[in-house]
Protein backbone atom coordinates (compact mmCIF):
# COMPACT_ATOMS: atom_id res chain seq x y z
CA MET A 1 -6.33 31.73 106.50
CA GLY A 2 -8.13 33.35 109.45
CA ASN A 3 -9.33 36.67 106.93
CA HIS A 4 -11.25 35.26 104.54
CA TYR A 5 -15.13 36.01 104.11
CA HIS A 6 -17.69 33.63 103.05
CA LEU A 7 -20.85 35.40 101.26
CA LEU A 8 -24.45 32.99 101.42
CA VAL A 9 -26.66 34.69 98.17
CA GLU A 10 -30.01 33.50 97.10
CA THR A 11 -30.63 33.20 93.78
CA PRO A 12 -34.01 32.55 91.59
CA GLU A 13 -32.68 29.68 90.42
CA GLY A 14 -31.24 26.81 92.63
CA ASN A 15 -29.25 25.22 89.82
CA LEU A 16 -26.58 27.81 89.56
CA VAL A 17 -24.46 25.30 91.71
CA GLU A 18 -24.71 22.83 88.50
CA GLY A 19 -22.66 25.32 86.71
CA LYS A 20 -25.52 26.61 84.44
CA LYS A 21 -24.00 29.07 81.83
CA ARG A 22 -26.22 31.88 81.28
CA GLU A 23 -28.14 31.04 77.58
CA SER A 24 -27.58 33.11 74.73
CA HIS A 25 -29.31 34.70 72.24
CA SER A 26 -29.51 31.59 70.43
CA GLY A 27 -29.99 28.87 73.53
CA GLU A 28 -32.93 26.43 73.62
CA ALA A 29 -34.87 28.18 76.23
CA ARG A 30 -35.23 31.79 74.83
CA GLY A 31 -35.48 30.61 71.17
CA ALA A 32 -38.12 28.45 72.12
CA HIS A 33 -40.02 31.29 73.67
CA GLY A 34 -39.06 33.53 70.48
CA GLU A 35 -40.54 31.49 68.23
CA ALA A 36 -43.66 30.97 69.60
CA ALA A 37 -44.13 35.15 69.92
CA ALA A 38 -42.79 35.13 66.60
CA ARG A 39 -45.14 32.56 65.38
CA LYS A 40 -47.74 34.70 66.99
CA LEU A 41 -46.84 37.86 65.34
CA LEU A 42 -46.64 36.02 61.95
CA MET A 43 -50.19 35.19 62.25
CA ALA A 44 -51.18 38.50 63.02
CA GLY A 45 -48.89 39.96 60.27
CA LEU A 46 -50.57 37.71 57.60
CA ARG A 47 -54.38 38.62 58.79
CA VAL A 48 -53.06 42.69 58.54
CA LEU A 49 -52.30 41.74 54.91
CA GLY A 50 -54.93 39.47 54.27
CA MET A 51 -53.57 36.21 53.30
CA GLU A 52 -53.07 32.92 55.03
CA ALA A 53 -49.84 30.99 55.90
CA GLY A 54 -49.92 28.82 52.69
CA GLU A 55 -49.94 31.33 50.53
CA LEU A 56 -46.10 32.52 51.94
CA ARG A 57 -44.78 29.54 49.53
CA GLN A 58 -46.96 30.16 46.66
CA ARG A 59 -44.98 34.01 46.40
CA ALA A 60 -41.80 35.00 45.12
CA LYS A 61 -38.95 34.99 47.64
CA GLN A 62 -38.58 38.40 47.75
CA ALA A 63 -42.01 39.57 47.71
CA PRO A 64 -43.12 42.60 49.42
CA GLU A 65 -45.12 41.00 51.49
CA LYS A 66 -42.25 38.70 53.01
CA ALA A 67 -39.92 41.43 53.15
CA VAL A 68 -42.21 43.81 55.32
CA LEU A 69 -43.15 40.50 57.82
CA ALA A 70 -39.62 39.72 57.92
CA TRP A 71 -38.90 42.96 58.78
CA TRP A 72 -41.58 43.06 61.46
CA LEU A 73 -40.43 39.77 62.91
CA ARG A 74 -36.94 41.04 63.14
CA GLU A 75 -37.77 44.12 64.82
CA ARG A 76 -39.70 42.36 67.32
CA THR A 77 -38.28 39.21 68.40
CA THR A 78 -35.18 36.77 68.78
CA VAL A 79 -35.96 34.70 66.28
CA THR A 80 -32.75 33.90 64.24
CA LEU A 81 -32.62 34.48 60.36
CA ARG A 82 -33.02 30.79 59.29
CA TRP A 83 -36.02 30.71 61.22
CA VAL A 84 -37.54 33.89 59.64
CA SER A 85 -36.35 32.60 56.06
CA GLU A 86 -37.83 28.84 56.58
CA GLU A 87 -40.88 30.36 57.84
CA LEU A 88 -41.46 32.83 55.00
CA GLY A 89 -40.32 30.66 52.12
CA MET A 90 -37.23 33.25 51.09
CA GLY A 91 -34.96 30.57 50.40
CA HIS A 92 -31.05 31.43 52.10
CA TYR A 93 -30.96 33.09 55.46
CA THR A 94 -29.32 36.15 53.82
CA ARG A 95 -32.90 37.01 51.73
CA VAL A 96 -34.17 38.04 55.30
CA THR A 97 -30.87 40.58 55.97
CA GLN A 98 -31.19 42.05 52.27
CA ALA A 99 -35.40 42.10 52.73
CA VAL A 100 -35.30 43.75 55.89
CA SER A 101 -32.35 46.28 55.05
CA ARG A 102 -34.82 47.39 52.24
CA VAL A 103 -37.50 47.96 54.12
CA ARG A 104 -35.44 50.09 56.19
CA ARG A 105 -33.77 51.97 54.06
CA LYS A 106 -35.47 52.38 50.70
CA PRO A 107 -38.93 50.82 51.65
CA GLY A 108 -40.70 52.41 47.89
CA ARG A 109 -44.46 53.07 48.18
CA LYS A 110 -45.88 49.29 47.85
CA LEU A 111 -43.28 48.13 51.47
CA GLU A 112 -44.28 51.50 52.95
CA THR A 113 -47.79 51.00 52.49
CA LEU A 114 -47.25 47.50 54.07
CA LYS A 115 -44.89 48.95 56.97
CA ARG A 116 -47.75 51.63 57.83
CA ARG A 117 -50.50 48.71 58.22
CA LEU A 118 -48.48 46.71 60.46
CA LEU A 119 -47.49 49.26 62.60
CA GLN A 120 -51.29 50.57 62.77
CA THR A 121 -52.44 47.35 63.97
CA GLU A 122 -49.85 47.19 66.45
CA GLU A 123 -50.57 50.75 67.84
CA LEU A 124 -54.50 49.45 67.95
CA MET A 125 -53.16 45.95 69.63
CA ASN A 126 -51.12 48.00 72.09
CA GLU A 127 -54.28 50.36 72.70
CA LYS A 128 -56.74 47.55 73.27
CA SER A 129 -54.52 45.72 75.75
CA GLU A 130 -53.84 49.09 78.20
């Protein structure tokens, strides 16, 4: 076969020959990064809402503060539903989906107020970093 070509490509990661698969949304590396970012965001959210991390477990599984924090984390990070559920003490991970949906669709006065506080703080943080 005299009519074939070889292509040399330089890649940023030299281990592609080893057959490394692209990591999925729930891959270990991405998950670790996502968890670190989510934890930082969660701590900031708790400060904005005037809460301590230990207070989350004392509140009801569908408490408005938990619902709005779940929404905030899911909108801005790659962490799993299970991670959010465990960190916020929401019980079964499907409660996270329900809470996020409630905040998006029919937040009500209390959720809307909490949501607005988080968003305003986020805007201020973005302005300071520019």
